[in-house]
């Protein structure tokens, strides 16, 4: 199943409204939004993928629609998935994107460096 393009458009609109420079990249069967060359948020099927501060990870899992990101069979600490229940309203989507943008400056880049 391809990713939800309507959700991707909502994310793009919110990022543009906040004047955030981003790059959209197809990966993991979905679409990832890279901010400062780091994965920030994304869409996998019909769900929002969010990279958040590990310090608020457990508390975030208590929010409506939020669950562990484990599509590979192993939970990815610091990443959560949010289904339609948690992002149906624009304010809810903006909340999750805000968490990801707040953590982004502290997140480590997984960008590989080319050897000379």
N, C-alpha and C. Protein backbone atom coordinates (compact mmCIF):
# COMPACT_ATOMS: atom_id res chain seq x y z
N UNK A 1 0.83 -1.18 0.00
CA UNK A 1 0.00 0.00 0.00
C UNK A 1 0.88 1.25 0.00
N UNK A 2 0.62 2.16 -0.92
CA UNK A 2 1.40 3.40 -0.94
C UNK A 2 1.05 4.28 0.25
N UNK A 3 1.88 5.29 0.47
CA UNK A 3 1.63 6.19 1.59
C UNK A 3 0.46 7.13 1.29
N UNK A 4 -0.13 7.66 2.34
CA UNK A 4 -1.28 8.56 2.26
C UNK A 4 -0.82 9.94 1.77
N UNK A 5 -1.13 10.25 0.54
CA UNK A 5 -0.69 11.51 -0.06
C UNK A 5 -1.39 12.72 0.54
N UNK A 6 -2.63 12.54 1.00
CA UNK A 6 -3.34 13.64 1.65
C UNK A 6 -2.63 14.03 2.95
N UNK A 7 -2.21 13.03 3.73
CA UNK A 7 -1.47 13.31 4.96
C UNK A 7 -0.13 13.97 4.63
N UNK A 8 0.54 13.49 3.61
CA UNK A 8 1.81 14.11 3.19
C UNK A 8 1.61 15.58 2.82
N UNK A 9 0.52 15.89 2.13
CA UNK A 9 0.23 17.28 1.76
C UNK A 9 -0.04 18.14 2.99
N UNK A 10 -0.73 17.57 3.98
CA UNK A 10 -1.00 18.31 5.23
C UNK A 10 0.32 18.63 5.94
N UNK A 11 1.23 17.67 5.96
CA UNK A 11 2.54 17.88 6.60
C UNK A 11 3.30 18.97 5.85
N UNK A 12 3.36 18.86 4.53
CA UNK A 12 4.06 19.88 3.73
C UNK A 12 3.51 21.27 4.01
N UNK A 13 2.19 21.39 4.06
CA UNK A 13 1.56 22.69 4.30
C UNK A 13 1.97 23.26 5.66
N UNK A 14 1.95 22.41 6.69
CA UNK A 14 2.34 22.88 8.03
C UNK A 14 3.81 23.30 8.08
N UNK A 15 4.67 22.52 7.44
CA UNK A 15 6.09 22.87 7.43
C UNK A 15 6.32 24.19 6.67
N UNK A 16 5.64 24.36 5.56
CA UNK A 16 5.78 25.59 4.78
C UNK A 16 5.24 26.80 5.57
N UNK A 17 4.11 26.61 6.26
CA UNK A 17 3.55 27.70 7.07
C UNK A 17 4.53 28.15 8.15
N UNK A 18 5.31 27.20 8.67
CA UNK A 18 6.27 27.52 9.72
C UNK A 18 7.62 27.92 9.14
N UNK A 19 7.68 28.03 7.81
CA UNK A 19 8.91 28.42 7.11
C UNK A 19 10.09 27.50 7.44
N UNK A 20 9.78 26.20 7.49
CA UNK A 20 10.80 25.18 7.76
C UNK A 20 11.31 24.66 6.42
N UNK A 21 12.63 24.71 6.25
CA UNK A 21 13.22 24.13 5.04
C UNK A 21 13.27 22.62 5.22
N UNK A 22 12.74 21.89 4.26
CA UNK A 22 12.71 20.43 4.34
C UNK A 22 12.92 19.82 2.97
N UNK A 23 13.25 18.56 3.00
CA UNK A 23 13.37 17.77 1.78
C UNK A 23 12.54 16.51 1.98
N UNK A 24 11.67 16.21 1.03
CA UNK A 24 10.86 15.00 1.10
C UNK A 24 11.57 13.89 0.33
N UNK A 25 11.74 12.73 1.01
CA UNK A 25 12.42 11.60 0.39
C UNK A 25 11.59 10.33 0.56
N UNK A 26 11.45 9.59 -0.53
CA UNK A 26 10.77 8.31 -0.43
C UNK A 26 11.70 7.31 0.23
N UNK A 27 11.23 6.71 1.31
CA UNK A 27 12.01 5.68 1.99
C UNK A 27 11.09 4.85 2.88
N UNK A 28 11.49 3.65 3.16
CA UNK A 28 10.75 2.71 4.01
C UNK A 28 9.32 2.50 3.53
N UNK A 29 9.11 2.56 2.24
CA UNK A 29 7.77 2.38 1.69
C UNK A 29 6.87 3.56 1.91
N UNK A 30 7.43 4.67 2.37
CA UNK A 30 6.64 5.86 2.64
C UNK A 30 7.38 7.09 2.19
N UNK A 31 7.09 8.19 2.86
CA UNK A 31 7.71 9.47 2.54
C UNK A 31 8.25 10.07 3.83
N UNK A 32 9.53 10.40 3.85
CA UNK A 32 10.15 11.01 5.02
C UNK A 32 10.44 12.47 4.73
N UNK A 33 10.22 13.31 5.73
CA UNK A 33 10.53 14.72 5.62
C UNK A 33 11.80 14.98 6.41
N UNK A 34 12.84 15.36 5.68
CA UNK A 34 14.15 15.60 6.27
C UNK A 34 14.28 17.09 6.59
N UNK A 35 14.69 17.39 7.82
CA UNK A 35 14.94 18.76 8.25
C UNK A 35 16.37 18.78 8.78
N UNK A 36 17.19 19.67 8.26
CA UNK A 36 18.61 19.72 8.62
C UNK A 36 19.31 18.38 8.35
N UNK A 37 18.95 17.75 7.24
CA UNK A 37 19.51 16.46 6.82
C UNK A 37 19.23 15.34 7.82
N UNK A 38 18.18 15.49 8.63
CA UNK A 38 17.80 14.46 9.61
C UNK A 38 16.33 14.13 9.44
N UNK A 39 16.00 12.84 9.56
CA UNK A 39 14.61 12.43 9.48
C UNK A 39 13.84 13.08 10.62
N UNK A 40 12.76 13.77 10.28
CA UNK A 40 11.99 14.51 11.28
C UNK A 40 10.60 13.90 11.44
N UNK A 41 9.83 13.88 10.38
CA UNK A 41 8.51 13.25 10.37
C UNK A 41 8.35 12.52 9.05
N UNK A 42 7.33 11.71 8.96
CA UNK A 42 7.10 11.01 7.71
C UNK A 42 5.72 10.37 7.67
N UNK A 43 5.43 9.76 6.55
CA UNK A 43 4.17 9.06 6.35
C UNK A 43 4.49 7.64 5.94
N UNK A 44 3.95 6.69 6.68
CA UNK A 44 4.05 5.28 6.32
C UNK A 44 2.61 4.76 6.27
N UNK A 45 2.19 4.36 5.09
CA UNK A 45 0.79 3.99 4.82
C UNK A 45 -0.11 5.15 5.23
N UNK A 46 -0.96 4.96 6.24
CA UNK A 46 -1.87 6.02 6.66
C UNK A 46 -1.47 6.64 7.99
N UNK A 47 -0.25 6.40 8.43
CA UNK A 47 0.17 6.87 9.74
C UNK A 47 1.31 7.88 9.66
N UNK A 48 1.34 8.73 10.67
CA UNK A 48 2.41 9.71 10.81
C UNK A 48 3.54 9.09 11.61
N UNK A 49 4.75 9.18 11.10
CA UNK A 49 5.94 8.76 11.82
C UNK A 49 6.58 10.02 12.38
N UNK A 50 6.92 10.00 13.67
CA UNK A 50 7.45 11.20 14.32
C UNK A 50 8.71 10.85 15.10
N UNK A 51 9.77 11.63 14.88
CA UNK A 51 11.00 11.48 15.66
C UNK A 51 10.95 12.48 16.81
N UNK A 52 10.89 11.94 18.03
CA UNK A 52 10.72 12.79 19.21
C UNK A 52 11.87 12.60 20.19
N UNK A 53 11.94 13.50 21.15
CA UNK A 53 12.94 13.42 22.19
C UNK A 53 12.72 12.14 23.00
N UNK A 54 13.73 11.29 23.14
CA UNK A 54 13.56 10.06 23.92
C UNK A 54 13.10 10.32 25.36
N UNK A 55 13.33 11.52 25.87
CA UNK A 55 12.89 11.84 27.23
C UNK A 55 11.37 11.93 27.35
N UNK A 56 10.66 12.19 26.25
CA UNK A 56 9.20 12.26 26.30
C UNK A 56 8.54 11.06 25.60
N UNK A 57 9.36 10.09 25.24
CA UNK A 57 8.89 8.92 24.50
C UNK A 57 7.76 8.20 25.23
N UNK A 58 7.99 7.81 26.47
CA UNK A 58 6.98 7.03 27.21
C UNK A 58 5.70 7.82 27.41
N UNK A 59 5.80 9.09 27.75
CA UNK A 59 4.61 9.93 27.94
C UNK A 59 3.84 10.09 26.64
N UNK A 60 4.56 10.18 25.52
CA UNK A 60 3.91 10.34 24.22
C UNK A 60 3.08 9.12 23.85
N UNK A 61 3.53 7.97 24.27
CA UNK A 61 2.80 6.74 23.95
C UNK A 61 1.42 6.70 24.61
N UNK A 62 1.18 7.57 25.58
CA UNK A 62 -0.12 7.64 26.25
C UNK A 62 -1.12 8.52 25.49
N UNK A 63 -0.66 9.24 24.49
CA UNK A 63 -1.53 10.14 23.72
C UNK A 63 -2.41 9.33 22.77
N UNK A 64 -3.62 9.82 22.48
CA UNK A 64 -4.53 9.11 21.56
C UNK A 64 -3.87 8.85 20.21
N UNK A 65 -3.99 7.61 19.74
CA UNK A 65 -3.50 7.23 18.42
C UNK A 65 -2.01 6.96 18.32
N UNK A 66 -1.26 7.19 19.39
CA UNK A 66 0.20 7.02 19.35
C UNK A 66 0.58 5.61 19.77
N UNK A 67 1.53 5.03 19.04
CA UNK A 67 2.03 3.71 19.41
C UNK A 67 3.49 3.57 18.99
N UNK A 68 4.10 2.51 19.46
CA UNK A 68 5.51 2.23 19.19
C UNK A 68 5.72 2.02 17.70
N UNK A 69 6.80 2.55 17.18
CA UNK A 69 7.18 2.31 15.78
C UNK A 69 7.98 1.01 15.76
N UNK A 70 7.37 -0.03 15.24
CA UNK A 70 8.03 -1.33 15.23
C UNK A 70 7.76 -2.13 13.95
N UNK A 71 7.65 -1.44 12.84
CA UNK A 71 7.32 -2.15 11.60
C UNK A 71 8.42 -3.09 11.13
N UNK A 72 9.62 -3.00 11.70
CA UNK A 72 10.70 -3.92 11.35
C UNK A 72 10.74 -5.11 12.30
N UNK A 73 9.85 -5.10 13.31
CA UNK A 73 9.85 -6.15 14.31
C UNK A 73 10.61 -5.75 15.57
N UNK A 74 11.33 -4.64 15.50
CA UNK A 74 12.05 -4.12 16.67
C UNK A 74 11.62 -2.67 16.87
N UNK A 75 11.26 -2.32 18.11
CA UNK A 75 10.88 -0.92 18.36
C UNK A 75 12.04 0.03 18.09
N UNK A 76 11.74 1.16 17.51
CA UNK A 76 12.75 2.18 17.25
C UNK A 76 12.58 3.27 18.30
N UNK A 77 13.45 3.29 19.29
CA UNK A 77 13.38 4.25 20.38
C UNK A 77 13.52 5.67 19.82
N UNK A 78 12.65 6.54 20.28
CA UNK A 78 12.68 7.92 19.81
C UNK A 78 11.80 8.16 18.59
N UNK A 79 11.22 7.11 18.05
CA UNK A 79 10.29 7.25 16.93
C UNK A 79 8.95 6.66 17.37
N UNK A 80 7.87 7.36 17.05
CA UNK A 80 6.53 6.85 17.31
C UNK A 80 5.71 6.94 16.04
N UNK A 81 4.65 6.19 16.02
CA UNK A 81 3.68 6.24 14.94
C UNK A 81 2.39 6.79 15.53
N UNK A 82 1.68 7.60 14.75
CA UNK A 82 0.41 8.15 15.19
C UNK A 82 -0.63 7.88 14.11
N UNK A 83 -1.71 7.19 14.50
CA UNK A 83 -2.74 6.87 13.53
C UNK A 83 -3.75 8.01 13.42
N UNK A 84 -4.79 7.81 12.60
CA UNK A 84 -5.76 8.87 12.30
C UNK A 84 -6.40 9.45 13.56
N UNK A 85 -6.60 8.64 14.58
CA UNK A 85 -7.22 9.13 15.82
C UNK A 85 -6.41 10.29 16.42
N UNK A 86 -5.10 10.23 16.29
CA UNK A 86 -4.24 11.24 16.90
C UNK A 86 -3.87 12.41 16.00
N UNK A 87 -4.25 12.35 14.71
CA UNK A 87 -3.85 13.43 13.78
C UNK A 87 -4.99 13.91 12.90
N UNK A 88 -6.21 13.53 13.24
CA UNK A 88 -7.36 13.90 12.42
C UNK A 88 -7.53 15.41 12.33
N UNK A 89 -7.36 16.09 13.44
CA UNK A 89 -7.51 17.55 13.46
C UNK A 89 -6.16 18.20 13.15
N UNK A 90 -6.19 19.33 12.47
CA UNK A 90 -4.94 20.02 12.11
C UNK A 90 -4.13 20.39 13.35
N UNK A 91 -4.81 20.79 14.44
CA UNK A 91 -4.08 21.13 15.67
C UNK A 91 -3.33 19.93 16.23
N UNK A 92 -3.91 18.74 16.10
CA UNK A 92 -3.25 17.53 16.59
C UNK A 92 -2.02 17.21 15.73
N UNK A 93 -2.17 17.33 14.43
CA UNK A 93 -1.03 17.10 13.54
C UNK A 93 0.06 18.12 13.82
N UNK A 94 -0.32 19.37 14.02
CA UNK A 94 0.66 20.42 14.33
C UNK A 94 1.39 20.14 15.65
N UNK A 95 0.69 19.56 16.61
CA UNK A 95 1.31 19.20 17.89
C UNK A 95 2.46 18.22 17.67
N UNK A 96 2.20 17.16 16.91
CA UNK A 96 3.23 16.13 16.68
C UNK A 96 4.38 16.68 15.86
N UNK A 97 4.07 17.47 14.85
CA UNK A 97 5.14 18.07 14.04
C UNK A 97 5.97 19.02 14.91
N UNK A 98 5.31 19.73 15.79
CA UNK A 98 6.02 20.62 16.72
C UNK A 98 6.99 19.86 17.61
N UNK A 99 6.57 18.70 18.11
CA UNK A 99 7.48 17.88 18.92
C UNK A 99 8.71 17.46 18.12
N UNK A 100 8.49 17.06 16.87
CA UNK A 100 9.60 16.62 16.01
C UNK A 100 10.54 17.78 15.70
N UNK A 101 9.98 18.95 15.40
CA UNK A 101 10.82 20.11 15.09
C UNK A 101 11.59 20.58 16.32
N UNK A 102 10.98 20.47 17.48
CA UNK A 102 11.66 20.86 18.72
C UNK A 102 12.87 19.95 18.99
N UNK A 103 12.73 18.66 18.70
CA UNK A 103 13.82 17.72 18.93
C UNK A 103 14.87 17.74 17.83
N UNK A 104 14.49 18.14 16.65
CA UNK A 104 15.39 18.05 15.49
C UNK A 104 16.80 18.62 15.71
N UNK A 105 16.96 19.79 16.33
CA UNK A 105 18.33 20.30 16.52
C UNK A 105 19.20 19.40 17.39
N UNK A 106 18.57 18.63 18.28
CA UNK A 106 19.31 17.73 19.17
C UNK A 106 19.52 16.34 18.57
N UNK A 107 18.76 16.01 17.55
CA UNK A 107 18.83 14.67 16.94
C UNK A 107 20.15 14.49 16.21
N UNK A 108 20.64 13.27 16.24
CA UNK A 108 21.86 12.94 15.51
C UNK A 108 21.51 12.59 14.07
N UNK A 109 22.35 13.03 13.17
CA UNK A 109 22.17 12.71 11.77
C UNK A 109 22.73 11.33 11.48
N UNK A 110 21.99 10.56 10.71
CA UNK A 110 22.50 9.24 10.33
C UNK A 110 23.12 9.29 8.94
N UNK A 111 23.31 10.49 8.44
CA UNK A 111 23.88 10.68 7.11
C UNK A 111 25.31 10.13 7.08
N UNK A 112 25.54 9.23 6.15
CA UNK A 112 26.88 8.65 6.06
C UNK A 112 27.81 9.62 5.35
N UNK A 113 29.03 9.62 5.77
CA UNK A 113 30.02 10.51 5.16
C UNK A 113 30.81 9.72 4.12
N UNK A 114 31.05 10.36 3.01
CA UNK A 114 31.80 9.71 1.94
C UNK A 114 33.28 9.66 2.29
N UNK A 115 33.87 8.53 2.00
CA UNK A 115 35.32 8.39 2.24
C UNK A 115 36.07 9.00 1.07
N UNK A 116 37.19 9.64 1.36
CA UNK A 116 37.97 10.25 0.28
C UNK A 116 38.98 9.28 -0.28
